[in-house]
Amino acid sequence: MGVRTIDEILSPWVKRHGLRVSNVYRDRFYYVDIFDDTGGRYEISIFEDDQPDLIKVRVSSNRKRSCGFIGVGPSELEGVLEQAYSRVVRWV
């Protein structure tokens, strides 16, 4: 990736929303888990693709189907994370 890594973008974003990265796998896969009061589990998955400067983001739930992956560049990641979080808020 370029100058800004996923971690540099993701860390302030999760803090701003009162979330945390629940798991990091091989420094390429990041997971943000969100739970509701009724046992619903929602996940925002972020991972670095094999293609240079391509990051994939997915929103899924144990009660709803996955929204699939969307590929973005580093400059678009924060905006896509906001869209993913908005989707989870609508589901909750």
C-alpha atoms as a PDB file:
ATOM      1  CA  MET A   1       0.000   0.000   0.000  1.00  0.00           C
ATOM      2  CA  GLY A   2       0.971   3.633  -0.204  1.00  0.00           C
ATOM      3  CA  VAL A   3       2.035   5.974   2.576  1.00  0.00           C
ATOM      4  CA  ARG A   4      -1.127   5.486   4.622  1.00  0.00           C
ATOM      5  CA  THR A   5      -1.611   1.919   5.763  1.00  0.00           C
ATOM      6  CA  ILE A   6      -4.923   0.330   6.635  1.00  0.00           C
ATOM      7  CA  ASP A   7      -4.023   0.624  10.307  1.00  0.00           C
ATOM      8  CA  GLU A   8      -3.335   4.362  10.011  1.00  0.00           C
ATOM      9  CA  ILE A   9      -6.795   4.879   8.515  1.00  0.00           C
ATOM     10  CA  LEU A  10      -8.688   2.321  10.595  1.00  0.00           C
ATOM     11  CA  SER A  11      -7.372   3.203  14.078  1.00  0.00           C
ATOM     12  CA  PRO A  12      -8.743   6.759  14.264  1.00  0.00           C
ATOM     13  CA  TRP A  13     -11.963   5.671  12.532  1.00  0.00           C
ATOM     14  CA  VAL A  14     -12.789   2.985  15.125  1.00  0.00           C
ATOM     15  CA  LYS A  15     -11.956   5.380  17.972  1.00  0.00           C
ATOM     16  CA  ARG A  16     -14.267   8.028  16.538  1.00  0.00           C
ATOM     17  CA  HIS A  17     -17.157   5.537  16.535  1.00  0.00           C
ATOM     18  CA  GLY A  18     -16.346   3.928  19.885  1.00  0.00           C
ATOM     19  CA  LEU A  19     -15.475   0.618  18.217  1.00  0.00           C
ATOM     20  CA  ARG A  20     -12.383  -1.551  18.227  1.00  0.00           C
ATOM     21  CA  VAL A  21     -10.641  -3.862  15.809  1.00  0.00           C
ATOM     22  CA  SER A  22     -11.573  -7.286  17.155  1.00  0.00           C
ATOM     23  CA  ASN A  23      -9.032  -9.299  15.202  1.00  0.00           C
ATOM     24  CA  VAL A  24      -6.092  -8.822  12.853  1.00  0.00           C
ATOM     25  CA  TYR A  25      -4.867 -11.770  10.819  1.00  0.00           C
ATOM     26  CA  ARG A  26      -1.443 -11.729   9.161  1.00  0.00           C
ATOM     27  CA  ASP A  27      -1.436  -7.909   9.094  1.00  0.00           C
ATOM     28  CA  ARG A  28      -3.728  -8.073   6.055  1.00  0.00           C
ATOM     29  CA  PHE A  29      -7.181  -8.925   7.414  1.00  0.00           C
ATOM     30  CA  TYR A  30      -8.923  -6.627   9.903  1.00  0.00           C
ATOM     31  CA  TYR A  31     -12.283  -7.314  11.552  1.00  0.00           C
ATOM     32  CA  VAL A  32     -14.542  -4.888  13.411  1.00  0.00           C
ATOM     33  CA  ASP A  33     -17.330  -6.706  15.274  1.00  0.00           C
ATOM     34  CA  ILE A  34     -20.476  -4.913  16.433  1.00  0.00           C
ATOM     35  CA  PHE A  35     -23.120  -6.549  18.637  1.00  0.00           C
ATOM     36  CA  ASP A  36     -26.652  -5.399  19.368  1.00  0.00           C
ATOM     37  CA  ASP A  37     -28.757  -5.926  22.511  1.00  0.00           C
ATOM     38  CA  THR A  38     -30.585  -8.925  21.076  1.00  0.00           C
ATOM     39  CA  GLY A  39     -27.532 -10.998  20.159  1.00  0.00           C
ATOM     40  CA  GLY A  40     -27.114  -9.791  16.600  1.00  0.00           C
ATOM     41  CA  ARG A  41     -23.519  -9.795  15.371  1.00  0.00           C
ATOM     42  CA  TYR A  42     -22.355  -7.528  12.584  1.00  0.00           C
ATOM     43  CA  GLU A  43     -18.913  -7.488  11.036  1.00  0.00           C
ATOM     44  CA  ILE A  44     -16.996  -5.032   8.919  1.00  0.00           C
ATOM     45  CA  SER A  45     -14.101  -6.867   7.270  1.00  0.00           C
ATOM     46  CA  ILE A  46     -11.204  -4.975   5.715  1.00  0.00           C
ATOM     47  CA  PHE A  47      -8.337  -6.598   3.888  1.00  0.00           C
ATOM     48  CA  GLU A  48      -5.489  -5.707   1.610  1.00  0.00           C
ATOM     49  CA  ASP A  49      -5.933  -7.333  -1.789  1.00  0.00           C
ATOM     50  CA  ASP A  50      -3.116  -8.840  -3.818  1.00  0.00           C
ATOM     51  CA  GLN A  51      -3.458  -5.988  -6.302  1.00  0.00           C
ATOM     52  CA  PRO A  52      -1.382  -2.963  -5.292  1.00  0.00           C
ATOM     53  CA  ASP A  53      -3.314  -0.169  -3.573  1.00  0.00           C
ATOM     54  CA  LEU A  54      -6.575  -2.135  -3.481  1.00  0.00           C
ATOM     55  CA  ILE A  55      -8.428  -2.649  -0.211  1.00  0.00           C
ATOM     56  CA  LYS A  56     -11.590  -4.718   0.039  1.00  0.00           C
ATOM     57  CA  VAL A  57     -14.366  -3.992   2.545  1.00  0.00           C
ATOM     58  CA  ARG A  58     -17.345  -6.199   3.386  1.00  0.00           C
ATOM     59  CA  VAL A  59     -20.308  -5.832   5.746  1.00  0.00           C
ATOM     60  CA  SER A  60     -22.034  -8.944   7.045  1.00  0.00           C
ATOM     61  CA  SER A  61     -24.376 -10.078   9.780  1.00  0.00           C
ATOM     62  CA  ASN A  62     -25.471 -13.293  11.430  1.00  0.00           C
ATOM     63  CA  ARG A  63     -29.065 -12.243  10.660  1.00  0.00           C
ATOM     64  CA  LYS A  64     -28.703 -10.533   7.287  1.00  0.00           C
ATOM     65  CA  ARG A  65     -26.766 -11.609   4.273  1.00  0.00           C
ATOM     66  CA  SER A  66     -23.406 -10.197   3.357  1.00  0.00           C
ATOM     67  CA  CYS A  67     -23.292  -7.093   1.234  1.00  0.00           C
ATOM     68  CA  GLY A  68     -20.361  -8.524  -0.694  1.00  0.00           C
ATOM     69  CA  PHE A  69     -16.932  -6.991  -1.094  1.00  0.00           C
ATOM     70  CA  ILE A  70     -16.200  -3.575  -2.530  1.00  0.00           C
ATOM     71  CA  GLY A  71     -12.701  -2.710  -3.698  1.00  0.00           C
ATOM     72  CA  VAL A  72     -11.365   0.770  -2.986  1.00  0.00           C
ATOM     73  CA  GLY A  73      -8.126   2.698  -2.965  1.00  0.00           C
ATOM     74  CA  PRO A  74      -6.556   3.974   0.252  1.00  0.00           C
ATOM     75  CA  SER A  75      -7.944   7.482  -0.286  1.00  0.00           C
ATOM     76  CA  GLU A  76     -11.508   6.096  -0.427  1.00  0.00           C
ATOM     77  CA  LEU A  77     -11.264   3.736   2.546  1.00  0.00           C
ATOM     78  CA  GLU A  78     -12.542   6.095   5.231  1.00  0.00           C
ATOM     79  CA  GLY A  79     -15.629   7.012   3.204  1.00  0.00           C
ATOM     80  CA  VAL A  80     -16.433   3.355   2.514  1.00  0.00           C
ATOM     81  CA  LEU A  81     -15.999   2.535   6.204  1.00  0.00           C
ATOM     82  CA  GLU A  82     -18.574   5.241   6.979  1.00  0.00           C
ATOM     83  CA  GLN A  83     -20.975   3.676   4.473  1.00  0.00           C
ATOM     84  CA  ALA A  84     -20.383   0.225   5.974  1.00  0.00           C
ATOM     85  CA  TYR A  85     -21.045   1.513   9.489  1.00  0.00           C
ATOM     86  CA  SER A  86     -24.217   3.256   8.307  1.00  0.00           C
ATOM     87  CA  ARG A  87     -25.411  -0.064   6.895  1.00  0.00           C
ATOM     88  CA  VAL A  88     -24.824  -1.781  10.248  1.00  0.00           C
ATOM     89  CA  VAL A  89     -26.685   1.005  12.084  1.00  0.00           C
ATOM     90  CA  ARG A  90     -29.662   0.516   9.752  1.00  0.00           C
ATOM     91  CA  TRP A  91     -29.609  -3.239  10.434  1.00  0.00           C
ATOM     92  CA  VAL A  92     -29.490  -2.748  14.197  1.00  0.00           C
END
